[in-house]
Amino acid sequence: MESLGPILQQLNPSFRQQSKRIEDQVNADPFVQKFREEHPEVDDMKFKLSLSKFYQYAKDRNHCANCPGLANCPNDFQGHYSKLSVEYFNGQPEIIDKKTPCSLQLKSDHDKQVKERIRSFYVDERTLSEGYNVAEILRKDLQRAPAVNKVFRYINDTKQNGLSPEGLYLEGSFGTGKTFLMGYLLHELALLGYTGVIVYMPDFVEDLKSMIQEGQKLKETTEILKNCDLLIFDDIGAENLSPWVRDHVLGSILNYRMNRKPTFYTSNYSLESLEQHLSFTSKDGEERHKGQRLMDRIRPFVEVVPVRGENQRGKHRG
C-alpha cells in the first residue's frame, strides 16, 4: 500500500513547505532550544516525531512569559501549561508532555481550599473574604494592640504546638474589631489545614428555634459545630435564649467540645455578665444553676482577652 505522506504532498504541494516552516519556527523558539540543550538525547528525528508536543510547549510557555493573569489565560487549559520531560522506554528516549498547573493556578486552588475549610452561619461574608493585612490590623487602633498581640500569639502557638483545647474570649464594646480578629484567626489557621465555623449568635439562636421540628437539619448543624476544629460564637450574649436552645443545643455542643477542641467567643459582656444572661430565658425566667452549668463549659476553657478601642463601624472595615 502506498504511503499516505506522498499522497498528501501531491494533493497539497505546499504541505512540505508549510511543515518545514513550522518545524523551523518551533526549533528556533528559545524555550525549545533550552530544552534541547538540556536533553541532547533528543535528536532531530525525535524532535520531528514530537513536533506537535514541542509546538504546544512553545506556545504555552510564551503565553506564560507574557501572562495576562489567570482569568485571561490564553492557554488551551486555563491555568496550566505543557511541561515536557524525557523518559526512556526500551532504552529509547521519548518525549512526555503533561499539563501542569502554573503558580497562579496553584495559588487559586489553595485559596479555594482555605475558603472551603471555613463555614459561616449568619456572619457577613466580607468578614471572611476581604483578606487581612497584619500591618493594617495593628495600626487601626493602638488601644486594641494588646488584644491583637494575644491573637497573634495564639496563632503562632498553634503553628508550633498544634491545636489546644483552650480558646479565647474576646470581650469589649461595640465596633472594636472582635469579629474581625476572629476572622483573621480562622483564616490563618485554615492555611494550616484546620477547619473552622463562625456563628452569629442572635440570628443562629432564632433559626435554631425553628429547627425543633426539623430533626435531621438540627442534627447536621450541631454535628458541624461539634466536630469542626475551631468554633467561634460571635456576639454571644446578644441572643434571645430559650431553655431548649441553652440546655439541649448549646449545652450539648460545648459539652462535646470541652477538653477536645477550642471554642472562641466574642461578646460585649464580661464572663460574669454572660453568666447572668445565660441564667435568664424569656420562658422560664431566672435559673442561675443552669446558667452556671453552661458557664462551667465556657469559663475554664478560654483565656479572656479585653478588646479596647474606638467604635470603628461606619469609619472603615473592622
C-alpha atoms as a PDB file:
ATOM      1  CA  MET A   1       0.000   0.000   0.000  1.00  0.00           C
ATOM      2  CA  GLU A   2       1.283   3.454  -0.908  1.00  0.00           C
ATOM      3  CA  SER A   3       2.350   5.717   1.973  1.00  0.00           C
ATOM      4  CA  LEU A   4      -0.136   8.447   2.937  1.00  0.00           C
ATOM      5  CA  GLY A   5       2.591  11.136   3.183  1.00  0.00           C
ATOM      6  CA  PRO A   6       3.463  11.321  -0.547  1.00  0.00           C
ATOM      7  CA  ILE A   7      -0.228  11.305  -1.452  1.00  0.00           C
ATOM      8  CA  LEU A   8      -0.935  14.277   0.807  1.00  0.00           C
ATOM      9  CA  GLN A   9       2.079  16.099  -0.567  1.00  0.00           C
ATOM     10  CA  GLN A  10       0.794  15.557  -4.117  1.00  0.00           C
ATOM     11  CA  LEU A  11      -2.643  16.837  -3.188  1.00  0.00           C
ATOM     12  CA  ASN A  12      -1.144  19.885  -1.465  1.00  0.00           C
ATOM     13  CA  PRO A  13       2.218  20.909  -2.950  1.00  0.00           C
ATOM     14  CA  SER A  14       2.755  23.465  -0.168  1.00  0.00           C
ATOM     15  CA  PHE A  15       2.378  20.845   2.564  1.00  0.00           C
ATOM     16  CA  ARG A  16       6.110  20.125   2.866  1.00  0.00           C
ATOM     17  CA  GLN A  17       6.988  23.835   2.842  1.00  0.00           C
ATOM     18  CA  GLN A  18       4.416  24.623   5.485  1.00  0.00           C
ATOM     19  CA  SER A  19       5.601  21.752   7.705  1.00  0.00           C
ATOM     20  CA  LYS A  20       9.208  22.851   7.334  1.00  0.00           C
ATOM     21  CA  ARG A  21       8.280  26.428   8.222  1.00  0.00           C
ATOM     22  CA  ILE A  22       6.503  25.315  11.401  1.00  0.00           C
ATOM     23  CA  GLU A  23       9.374  22.986  12.276  1.00  0.00           C
ATOM     24  CA  ASP A  24      11.954  25.756  11.885  1.00  0.00           C
ATOM     25  CA  GLN A  25       9.816  28.202  13.836  1.00  0.00           C
ATOM     26  CA  VAL A  26       9.368  25.798  16.760  1.00  0.00           C
ATOM     27  CA  ASN A  27      13.019  24.753  16.741  1.00  0.00           C
ATOM     28  CA  ALA A  28      14.090  28.406  16.882  1.00  0.00           C
ATOM     29  CA  ASP A  29      11.937  29.105  19.933  1.00  0.00           C
ATOM     30  CA  PRO A  30      14.144  29.958  22.970  1.00  0.00           C
ATOM     31  CA  PHE A  31      12.207  27.648  25.283  1.00  0.00           C
ATOM     32  CA  VAL A  32      12.558  24.741  22.862  1.00  0.00           C
ATOM     33  CA  GLN A  33      16.248  25.466  22.306  1.00  0.00           C
ATOM     34  CA  LYS A  34      16.864  25.480  26.047  1.00  0.00           C
ATOM     35  CA  PHE A  35      15.030  22.159  26.440  1.00  0.00           C
ATOM     36  CA  ARG A  36      17.060  20.543  23.659  1.00  0.00           C
ATOM     37  CA  GLU A  37      20.296  21.875  25.139  1.00  0.00           C
ATOM     38  CA  GLU A  38      19.390  20.231  28.448  1.00  0.00           C
ATOM     39  CA  HIS A  39      18.426  16.996  26.659  1.00  0.00           C
ATOM     40  CA  PRO A  40      20.952  16.288  23.898  1.00  0.00           C
ATOM     41  CA  GLU A  41      19.455  12.810  23.547  1.00  0.00           C
ATOM     42  CA  VAL A  42      16.562  14.459  21.695  1.00  0.00           C
ATOM     43  CA  ASP A  43      17.972  14.346  18.185  1.00  0.00           C
ATOM     44  CA  ASP A  44      16.386  15.849  15.079  1.00  0.00           C
ATOM     45  CA  MET A  45      14.405  12.716  14.342  1.00  0.00           C
ATOM     46  CA  LYS A  46      12.935  12.625  17.868  1.00  0.00           C
ATOM     47  CA  PHE A  47      12.210  16.320  17.578  1.00  0.00           C
ATOM     48  CA  LYS A  48      10.302  15.882  14.319  1.00  0.00           C
ATOM     49  CA  LEU A  49       8.326  12.935  15.656  1.00  0.00           C
ATOM     50  CA  SER A  50       7.282  15.033  18.651  1.00  0.00           C
ATOM     51  CA  LEU A  51       6.815  18.301  16.774  1.00  0.00           C
ATOM     52  CA  SER A  52       3.194  18.745  17.919  1.00  0.00           C
ATOM     53  CA  LYS A  53       4.277  18.435  21.574  1.00  0.00           C
ATOM     54  CA  PHE A  54       7.053  20.964  21.119  1.00  0.00           C
ATOM     55  CA  TYR A  55       4.686  23.289  19.283  1.00  0.00           C
ATOM     56  CA  GLN A  56       2.203  23.228  22.197  1.00  0.00           C
ATOM     57  CA  TYR A  57       5.062  23.561  24.689  1.00  0.00           C
ATOM     58  CA  ALA A  58       6.441  26.659  22.953  1.00  0.00           C
ATOM     59  CA  LYS A  59       3.007  28.248  22.605  1.00  0.00           C
ATOM     60  CA  ASP A  60       2.112  27.713  26.288  1.00  0.00           C
ATOM     61  CA  ARG A  61       5.478  28.869  27.622  1.00  0.00           C
ATOM     62  CA  ASN A  62       5.388  32.058  25.559  1.00  0.00           C
ATOM     63  CA  HIS A  63       1.876  32.781  26.794  1.00  0.00           C
ATOM     64  CA  CYS A  64       3.099  32.281  30.368  1.00  0.00           C
ATOM     65  CA  ALA A  65       6.089  34.558  29.792  1.00  0.00           C
ATOM     66  CA  ASN A  66       3.602  37.324  28.940  1.00  0.00           C
ATOM     67  CA  CYS A  67       0.965  36.242  31.456  1.00  0.00           C
ATOM     68  CA  PRO A  68      -2.196  38.413  31.364  1.00  0.00           C
ATOM     69  CA  GLY A  69      -3.462  36.930  34.636  1.00  0.00           C
ATOM     70  CA  LEU A  70      -5.280  33.738  35.473  1.00  0.00           C
ATOM     71  CA  ALA A  71      -8.729  34.978  34.425  1.00  0.00           C
ATOM     72  CA  ASN A  72      -7.404  35.872  30.940  1.00  0.00           C
ATOM     73  CA  CYS A  73      -5.102  32.890  30.488  1.00  0.00           C
ATOM     74  CA  PRO A  74      -4.911  32.138  26.721  1.00  0.00           C
ATOM     75  CA  ASN A  75      -3.637  28.577  27.114  1.00  0.00           C
ATOM     76  CA  ASP A  76      -5.901  25.785  25.931  1.00  0.00           C
ATOM     77  CA  PHE A  77      -6.257  24.515  29.501  1.00  0.00           C
ATOM     78  CA  GLN A  78      -6.639  27.657  31.605  1.00  0.00           C
ATOM     79  CA  GLY A  79      -4.065  27.987  34.367  1.00  0.00           C
ATOM     80  CA  HIS A  80      -1.985  25.100  33.008  1.00  0.00           C
ATOM     81  CA  TYR A  81       0.946  24.760  30.631  1.00  0.00           C
ATOM     82  CA  SER A  82       2.559  21.890  28.767  1.00  0.00           C
ATOM     83  CA  LYS A  83       5.571  20.554  30.620  1.00  0.00           C
ATOM     84  CA  LEU A  84       7.968  18.313  28.712  1.00  0.00           C
ATOM     85  CA  SER A  85      10.207  15.595  30.069  1.00  0.00           C
ATOM     86  CA  VAL A  86      12.263  12.759  28.643  1.00  0.00           C
ATOM     87  CA  GLU A  87      11.600   9.197  29.732  1.00  0.00           C
ATOM     88  CA  TYR A  88      13.203   6.032  28.450  1.00  0.00           C
ATOM     89  CA  PHE A  89      11.266   3.069  27.072  1.00  0.00           C
ATOM     90  CA  ASN A  90      13.211   0.015  25.956  1.00  0.00           C
ATOM     91  CA  GLY A  91      16.346   2.111  26.061  1.00  0.00           C
ATOM     92  CA  GLN A  92      14.965   4.791  23.774  1.00  0.00           C
ATOM     93  CA  PRO A  93      14.178   8.385  24.829  1.00  0.00           C
ATOM     94  CA  GLU A  94      10.587   9.504  24.464  1.00  0.00           C
ATOM     95  CA  ILE A  95       9.121  12.977  24.873  1.00  0.00           C
ATOM     96  CA  ILE A  96       6.378  13.076  27.533  1.00  0.00           C
ATOM     97  CA  ASP A  97       4.094  16.075  27.863  1.00  0.00           C
ATOM     98  CA  LYS A  98       1.909  16.780  30.888  1.00  0.00           C
ATOM     99  CA  LYS A  99      -0.482  19.609  31.617  1.00  0.00           C
ATOM    100  CA  THR A 100       0.890  21.305  34.728  1.00  0.00           C
ATOM    101  CA  PRO A 101      -0.791  23.984  36.876  1.00  0.00           C
ATOM    102  CA  CYS A 102       1.033  27.300  36.958  1.00  0.00           C
ATOM    103  CA  SER A 103       1.829  29.200  40.167  1.00  0.00           C
ATOM    104  CA  LEU A 104      -1.275  31.378  39.811  1.00  0.00           C
ATOM    105  CA  GLN A 105      -3.497  28.319  39.408  1.00  0.00           C
ATOM    106  CA  LEU A 106      -1.874  26.652  42.423  1.00  0.00           C
ATOM    107  CA  LYS A 107      -2.482  29.776  44.498  1.00  0.00           C
ATOM    108  CA  SER A 108      -6.091  29.941  43.305  1.00  0.00           C
ATOM    109  CA  ASP A 109      -6.621  26.275  44.205  1.00  0.00           C
ATOM    110  CA  HIS A 110      -5.017  26.812  47.602  1.00  0.00           C
ATOM    111  CA  ASP A 111      -7.155  29.877  48.336  1.00  0.00           C
ATOM    112  CA  LYS A 112     -10.258  27.923  47.360  1.00  0.00           C
ATOM    113  CA  GLN A 113      -9.303  25.072  49.692  1.00  0.00           C
ATOM    114  CA  VAL A 114      -8.760  27.540  52.539  1.00  0.00           C
ATOM    115  CA  LYS A 115     -12.189  29.105  51.978  1.00  0.00           C
ATOM    116  CA  GLU A 116     -13.790  25.661  51.881  1.00  0.00           C
ATOM    117  CA  ARG A 117     -12.347  24.939  55.328  1.00  0.00           C
ATOM    118  CA  ILE A 118     -14.255  27.886  56.794  1.00  0.00           C
ATOM    119  CA  ARG A 119     -18.025  27.983  57.173  1.00  0.00           C
ATOM    120  CA  SER A 120     -20.157  30.788  58.500  1.00  0.00           C
ATOM    121  CA  PHE A 121     -23.665  30.979  59.854  1.00  0.00           C
ATOM    122  CA  TYR A 122     -25.238  34.440  59.505  1.00  0.00           C
ATOM    123  CA  VAL A 123     -21.872  36.241  59.521  1.00  0.00           C
ATOM    124  CA  ASP A 124     -21.182  38.853  56.844  1.00  0.00           C
ATOM    125  CA  GLU A 125     -19.125  37.010  54.217  1.00  0.00           C
ATOM    126  CA  ARG A 126     -16.940  40.094  53.759  1.00  0.00           C
ATOM    127  CA  THR A 127     -15.508  39.355  57.187  1.00  0.00           C
ATOM    128  CA  LEU A 128     -14.052  36.163  55.741  1.00  0.00           C
ATOM    129  CA  SER A 129     -13.367  37.085  52.112  1.00  0.00           C
ATOM    130  CA  GLU A 130     -11.789  40.542  52.032  1.00  0.00           C
ATOM    131  CA  GLY A 131      -8.355  39.398  53.160  1.00  0.00           C
ATOM    132  CA  TYR A 132      -6.229  40.515  56.054  1.00  0.00           C
ATOM    133  CA  ASN A 133      -3.182  42.700  56.415  1.00  0.00           C
ATOM    134  CA  VAL A 134      -1.155  42.391  59.601  1.00  0.00           C
ATOM    135  CA  ALA A 135       0.085  45.963  59.460  1.00  0.00           C
ATOM    136  CA  GLU A 136      -3.459  47.219  58.954  1.00  0.00           C
ATOM    137  CA  ILE A 137      -4.714  45.209  61.926  1.00  0.00           C
ATOM    138  CA  LEU A 138      -2.054  46.718  64.178  1.00  0.00           C
ATOM    139  CA  ARG A 139      -2.402  50.341  63.111  1.00  0.00           C
ATOM    140  CA  LYS A 140      -6.196  50.516  63.023  1.00  0.00           C
ATOM    141  CA  ASP A 141      -6.425  51.356  66.698  1.00  0.00           C
ATOM    142  CA  LEU A 142      -3.466  51.211  69.043  1.00  0.00           C
ATOM    143  CA  GLN A 143      -5.778  50.754  72.020  1.00  0.00           C
ATOM    144  CA  ARG A 144      -6.530  47.231  70.899  1.00  0.00           C
ATOM    145  CA  ALA A 145      -2.865  46.320  70.315  1.00  0.00           C
ATOM    146  CA  PRO A 146      -2.727  44.054  73.432  1.00  0.00           C
ATOM    147  CA  ALA A 147      -5.707  42.052  72.110  1.00  0.00           C
ATOM    148  CA  VAL A 148      -4.178  41.858  68.640  1.00  0.00           C
ATOM    149  CA  ASN A 149      -0.929  40.557  70.119  1.00  0.00           C
ATOM    150  CA  LYS A 150      -2.848  37.899  72.077  1.00  0.00           C
ATOM    151  CA  VAL A 151      -4.482  36.666  68.880  1.00  0.00           C
ATOM    152  CA  PHE A 152      -1.135  36.677  67.057  1.00  0.00           C
ATOM    153  CA  ARG A 153       0.424  34.718  69.910  1.00  0.00           C
ATOM    154  CA  TYR A 154      -2.388  32.149  69.851  1.00  0.00           C
ATOM    155  CA  ILE A 155      -1.901  31.632  66.111  1.00  0.00           C
ATOM    156  CA  ASN A 156       1.877  31.227  66.496  1.00  0.00           C
ATOM    157  CA  ASP A 157       1.485  28.823  69.415  1.00  0.00           C
ATOM    158  CA  THR A 158      -0.899  26.707  67.327  1.00  0.00           C
ATOM    159  CA  LYS A 159       1.546  26.693  64.417  1.00  0.00           C
ATOM    160  CA  GLN A 160       4.317  25.458  66.710  1.00  0.00           C
ATOM    161  CA  ASN A 161       2.459  23.139  69.081  1.00  0.00           C
ATOM    162  CA  GLY A 162      -0.768  22.169  67.364  1.00  0.00           C
ATOM    163  CA  LEU A 163      -4.339  22.820  68.429  1.00  0.00           C
ATOM    164  CA  SER A 164      -5.077  23.417  72.102  1.00  0.00           C
ATOM    165  CA  PRO A 165      -8.477  22.741  73.752  1.00  0.00           C
ATOM    166  CA  GLU A 166      -8.363  26.293  75.143  1.00  0.00           C
ATOM    167  CA  GLY A 167      -9.898  29.104  73.114  1.00  0.00           C
ATOM    168  CA  LEU A 168     -10.157  32.875  73.509  1.00  0.00           C
ATOM    169  CA  TYR A 169     -12.949  35.033  74.876  1.00  0.00           C
ATOM    170  CA  LEU A 170     -12.794  38.472  73.249  1.00  0.00           C
ATOM    171  CA  GLU A 171     -14.699  40.912  75.423  1.00  0.00           C
ATOM    172  CA  GLY A 172     -15.248  44.541  74.516  1.00  0.00           C
ATOM    173  CA  SER A 173     -17.682  47.214  73.446  1.00  0.00           C
ATOM    174  CA  PHE A 174     -19.331  47.593  70.036  1.00  0.00           C
ATOM    175  CA  GLY A 175     -17.222  48.046  66.925  1.00  0.00           C
ATOM    176  CA  THR A 176     -13.771  47.381  68.377  1.00  0.00           C
ATOM    177  CA  GLY A 177     -12.950  44.673  65.811  1.00  0.00           C
ATOM    178  CA  LYS A 178     -13.601  41.489  67.770  1.00  0.00           C
ATOM    179  CA  THR A 179     -15.268  39.705  64.855  1.00  0.00           C
ATOM    180  CA  PHE A 180     -12.552  40.922  62.500  1.00  0.00           C
ATOM    181  CA  LEU A 181      -9.841  39.467  64.743  1.00  0.00           C
ATOM    182  CA  MET A 182     -11.634  36.139  64.938  1.00  0.00           C
ATOM    183  CA  GLY A 183     -11.988  36.086  61.159  1.00  0.00           C
ATOM    184  CA  TYR A 184      -8.244  36.685  60.893  1.00  0.00           C
ATOM    185  CA  LEU A 185      -7.554  33.827  63.315  1.00  0.00           C
ATOM    186  CA  LEU A 186      -9.799  31.491  61.314  1.00  0.00           C
ATOM    187  CA  HIS A 187      -8.101  32.426  58.060  1.00  0.00           C
ATOM    188  CA  GLU A 188      -4.562  31.986  59.379  1.00  0.00           C
ATOM    189  CA  LEU A 189      -5.292  28.593  60.924  1.00  0.00           C
ATOM    190  CA  ALA A 190      -7.225  27.442  57.848  1.00  0.00           C
ATOM    191  CA  LEU A 191      -3.963  27.959  55.957  1.00  0.00           C
ATOM    192  CA  LEU A 192      -2.556  25.202  58.176  1.00  0.00           C
ATOM    193  CA  GLY A 193      -5.413  22.859  57.279  1.00  0.00           C
ATOM    194  CA  TYR A 194      -7.732  23.440  60.244  1.00  0.00           C
ATOM    195  CA  THR A 195     -11.477  23.679  59.667  1.00  0.00           C
ATOM    196  CA  GLY A 196     -13.495  26.447  61.278  1.00  0.00           C
ATOM    197  CA  VAL A 197     -17.037  27.698  61.780  1.00  0.00           C
ATOM    198  CA  ILE A 198     -18.107  31.179  62.852  1.00  0.00           C
ATOM    199  CA  VAL A 199     -21.675  31.669  64.102  1.00  0.00           C
ATOM    200  CA  TYR A 200     -23.504  34.949  64.642  1.00  0.00           C
ATOM    201  CA  MET A 201     -25.417  34.057  67.779  1.00  0.00           C
ATOM    202  CA  PRO A 202     -28.556  36.302  67.633  1.00  0.00           C
ATOM    203  CA  ASP A 203     -29.629  35.015  64.200  1.00  0.00           C
ATOM    204  CA  PHE A 204     -28.403  31.483  64.836  1.00  0.00           C
ATOM    205  CA  VAL A 205     -30.457  31.093  68.017  1.00  0.00           C
ATOM    206  CA  GLU A 206     -33.609  32.297  66.260  1.00  0.00           C
ATOM    207  CA  ASP A 207     -33.009  29.803  63.473  1.00  0.00           C
ATOM    208  CA  LEU A 208     -32.419  27.009  65.986  1.00  0.00           C
ATOM    209  CA  LYS A 209     -35.865  27.624  67.477  1.00  0.00           C
ATOM    210  CA  SER A 210     -37.404  26.900  64.084  1.00  0.00           C
ATOM    211  CA  MET A 211     -35.440  23.627  63.808  1.00  0.00           C
ATOM    212  CA  ILE A 212     -37.286  21.942  66.657  1.00  0.00           C
ATOM    213  CA  GLN A 213     -39.481  20.211  64.105  1.00  0.00           C
ATOM    214  CA  GLU A 214     -36.598  19.543  61.692  1.00  0.00           C
ATOM    215  CA  GLY A 215     -34.652  16.843  63.469  1.00  0.00           C
ATOM    216  CA  GLN A 216     -32.318  15.944  60.620  1.00  0.00           C
ATOM    217  CA  LYS A 217     -31.324  19.541  59.899  1.00  0.00           C
ATOM    218  CA  LEU A 218     -30.756  20.182  63.595  1.00  0.00           C
ATOM    219  CA  LYS A 219     -28.594  17.086  63.921  1.00  0.00           C
ATOM    220  CA  GLU A 220     -26.488  18.000  60.878  1.00  0.00           C
ATOM    221  CA  THR A 221     -25.993  21.543  62.145  1.00  0.00           C
ATOM    222  CA  THR A 222     -24.958  20.532  65.654  1.00  0.00           C
ATOM    223  CA  GLU A 223     -22.592  17.867  64.286  1.00  0.00           C
ATOM    224  CA  ILE A 224     -20.830  20.509  62.202  1.00  0.00           C
ATOM    225  CA  LEU A 225     -20.365  22.706  65.265  1.00  0.00           C
ATOM    226  CA  LYS A 226     -19.238  19.821  67.444  1.00  0.00           C
ATOM    227  CA  ASN A 227     -16.634  18.481  65.054  1.00  0.00           C
ATOM    228  CA  CYS A 228     -15.027  21.499  63.400  1.00  0.00           C
ATOM    229  CA  ASP A 229     -11.509  22.251  64.621  1.00  0.00           C
ATOM    230  CA  LEU A 230     -12.262  25.873  65.515  1.00  0.00           C
ATOM    231  CA  LEU A 231     -15.684  27.134  66.590  1.00  0.00           C
ATOM    232  CA  ILE A 232     -16.475  30.811  67.116  1.00  0.00           C
ATOM    233  CA  PHE A 233     -19.664  32.033  68.758  1.00  0.00           C
ATOM    234  CA  ASP A 234     -19.818  35.642  67.623  1.00  0.00           C
ATOM    235  CA  ASP A 235     -21.683  38.219  69.759  1.00  0.00           C
ATOM    236  CA  ILE A 236     -22.735  35.722  72.412  1.00  0.00           C
ATOM    237  CA  GLY A 237     -24.988  37.410  74.926  1.00  0.00           C
ATOM    238  CA  ALA A 238     -26.961  39.342  72.296  1.00  0.00           C
ATOM    239  CA  GLU A 239     -29.287  36.403  71.562  1.00  0.00           C
ATOM    240  CA  ASN A 240     -32.752  35.799  72.998  1.00  0.00           C
ATOM    241  CA  LEU A 241     -32.336  32.387  74.609  1.00  0.00           C
ATOM    242  CA  SER A 242     -34.917  29.700  75.143  1.00  0.00           C
ATOM    243  CA  PRO A 243     -34.378  26.926  77.712  1.00  0.00           C
ATOM    244  CA  TRP A 244     -34.225  24.340  74.927  1.00  0.00           C
ATOM    245  CA  VAL A 245     -31.539  26.176  72.963  1.00  0.00           C
ATOM    246  CA  ARG A 246     -29.465  26.811  76.078  1.00  0.00           C
ATOM    247  CA  ASP A 247     -29.730  23.415  77.736  1.00  0.00           C
ATOM    248  CA  HIS A 248     -30.064  20.997  74.853  1.00  0.00           C
ATOM    249  CA  VAL A 249     -28.269  22.627  71.931  1.00  0.00           C
ATOM    250  CA  LEU A 250     -25.539  24.902  73.284  1.00  0.00           C
ATOM    251  CA  GLY A 251     -25.003  22.648  76.289  1.00  0.00           C
ATOM    252  CA  SER A 252     -24.611  19.612  74.056  1.00  0.00           C
ATOM    253  CA  ILE A 253     -22.158  21.346  71.699  1.00  0.00           C
ATOM    254  CA  LEU A 254     -19.984  22.745  74.478  1.00  0.00           C
ATOM    255  CA  ASN A 255     -20.095  19.531  76.493  1.00  0.00           C
ATOM    256  CA  TYR A 256     -18.721  17.656  73.473  1.00  0.00           C
ATOM    257  CA  ARG A 257     -16.013  20.190  72.653  1.00  0.00           C
ATOM    258  CA  MET A 258     -14.569  20.842  76.112  1.00  0.00           C
ATOM    259  CA  ASN A 259     -11.206  19.143  76.572  1.00  0.00           C
ATOM    260  CA  ARG A 260     -11.292  18.252  72.870  1.00  0.00           C
ATOM    261  CA  LYS A 261     -11.306  21.313  70.625  1.00  0.00           C
ATOM    262  CA  PRO A 262     -11.148  25.061  71.227  1.00  0.00           C
ATOM    263  CA  THR A 263     -14.212  27.281  71.213  1.00  0.00           C
ATOM    264  CA  PHE A 264     -13.897  31.046  70.818  1.00  0.00           C
ATOM    265  CA  TYR A 265     -16.282  33.825  71.714  1.00  0.00           C
ATOM    266  CA  THR A 266     -16.801  37.498  71.029  1.00  0.00           C
ATOM    267  CA  SER A 267     -19.070  39.407  73.386  1.00  0.00           C
ATOM    268  CA  ASN A 268     -19.960  42.778  74.817  1.00  0.00           C
ATOM    269  CA  TYR A 269     -20.297  41.016  78.184  1.00  0.00           C
ATOM    270  CA  SER A 270     -17.737  40.045  80.772  1.00  0.00           C
ATOM    271  CA  LEU A 271     -17.866  36.388  81.830  1.00  0.00           C
ATOM    272  CA  GLU A 272     -19.763  37.384  84.977  1.00  0.00           C
ATOM    273  CA  SER A 273     -22.364  39.323  82.986  1.00  0.00           C
ATOM    274  CA  LEU A 274     -22.622  36.499  80.468  1.00  0.00           C
ATOM    275  CA  GLU A 275     -23.456  34.084  83.258  1.00  0.00           C
ATOM    276  CA  GLN A 276     -26.327  36.326  84.319  1.00  0.00           C
ATOM    277  CA  HIS A 277     -27.538  36.443  80.720  1.00  0.00           C
ATOM    278  CA  LEU A 278     -27.377  32.660  80.334  1.00  0.00           C
ATOM    279  CA  SER A 279     -29.279  32.223  83.595  1.00  0.00           C
ATOM    280  CA  PHE A 280     -32.333  34.004  82.215  1.00  0.00           C
ATOM    281  CA  THR A 281     -34.702  32.865  79.472  1.00  0.00           C
ATOM    282  CA  SER A 282     -37.879  34.510  78.223  1.00  0.00           C
ATOM    283  CA  LYS A 283     -39.866  31.371  79.072  1.00  0.00           C
ATOM    284  CA  ASP A 284     -38.622  30.252  82.489  1.00  0.00           C
ATOM    285  CA  GLY A 285     -37.150  33.448  83.897  1.00  0.00           C
ATOM    286  CA  GLU A 286     -34.032  33.199  86.026  1.00  0.00           C
ATOM    287  CA  GLU A 287     -32.407  29.790  86.553  1.00  0.00           C
ATOM    288  CA  ARG A 288     -28.985  30.528  87.983  1.00  0.00           C
ATOM    289  CA  HIS A 289     -27.896  26.906  88.283  1.00  0.00           C
ATOM    290  CA  LYS A 290     -28.483  26.347  84.562  1.00  0.00           C
ATOM    291  CA  GLY A 291     -26.502  29.456  83.667  1.00  0.00           C
ATOM    292  CA  GLN A 292     -23.699  28.256  85.934  1.00  0.00           C
ATOM    293  CA  ARG A 293     -23.801  24.814  84.338  1.00  0.00           C
ATOM    294  CA  LEU A 294     -23.242  26.302  80.881  1.00  0.00           C
ATOM    295  CA  MET A 295     -20.538  28.628  82.163  1.00  0.00           C
ATOM    296  CA  ASP A 296     -18.711  25.606  83.561  1.00  0.00           C
ATOM    297  CA  ARG A 297     -18.286  24.585  79.934  1.00  0.00           C
ATOM    298  CA  ILE A 298     -17.036  28.034  78.920  1.00  0.00           C
ATOM    299  CA  ARG A 299     -15.024  29.718  81.684  1.00  0.00           C
ATOM    300  CA  PRO A 300     -12.346  27.009  82.276  1.00  0.00           C
ATOM    301  CA  PHE A 301     -11.659  26.657  78.555  1.00  0.00           C
ATOM    302  CA  VAL A 302     -10.972  30.229  77.483  1.00  0.00           C
ATOM    303  CA  GLU A 303      -8.458  32.979  78.052  1.00  0.00           C
ATOM    304  CA  VAL A 304     -10.243  36.298  78.460  1.00  0.00           C
ATOM    305  CA  VAL A 305      -8.899  38.952  76.088  1.00  0.00           C
ATOM    306  CA  PRO A 306     -10.177  42.506  76.647  1.00  0.00           C
ATOM    307  CA  VAL A 307     -10.542  44.378  73.348  1.00  0.00           C
ATOM    308  CA  ARG A 308     -10.404  48.116  73.846  1.00  0.00           C
ATOM    309  CA  GLY A 309     -10.645  50.921  71.339  1.00  0.00           C
ATOM    310  CA  GLU A 310     -12.934  53.233  69.431  1.00  0.00           C
ATOM    311  CA  ASN A 311     -16.044  52.118  67.588  1.00  0.00           C
ATOM    312  CA  GLN A 312     -14.795  51.526  64.042  1.00  0.00           C
ATOM    313  CA  ARG A 313     -18.180  50.876  62.469  1.00  0.00           C
ATOM    314  CA  GLY A 314     -19.034  53.466  59.894  1.00  0.00           C
ATOM    315  CA  LYS A 315     -15.394  54.504  59.571  1.00  0.00           C
ATOM    316  CA  HIS A 316     -13.756  51.608  57.760  1.00  0.00           C
ATOM    317  CA  ARG A 317     -13.656  47.838  57.952  1.00  0.00           C
ATOM    318  CA  GLY A 318     -13.409  46.386  61.448  1.00  0.00           C
END
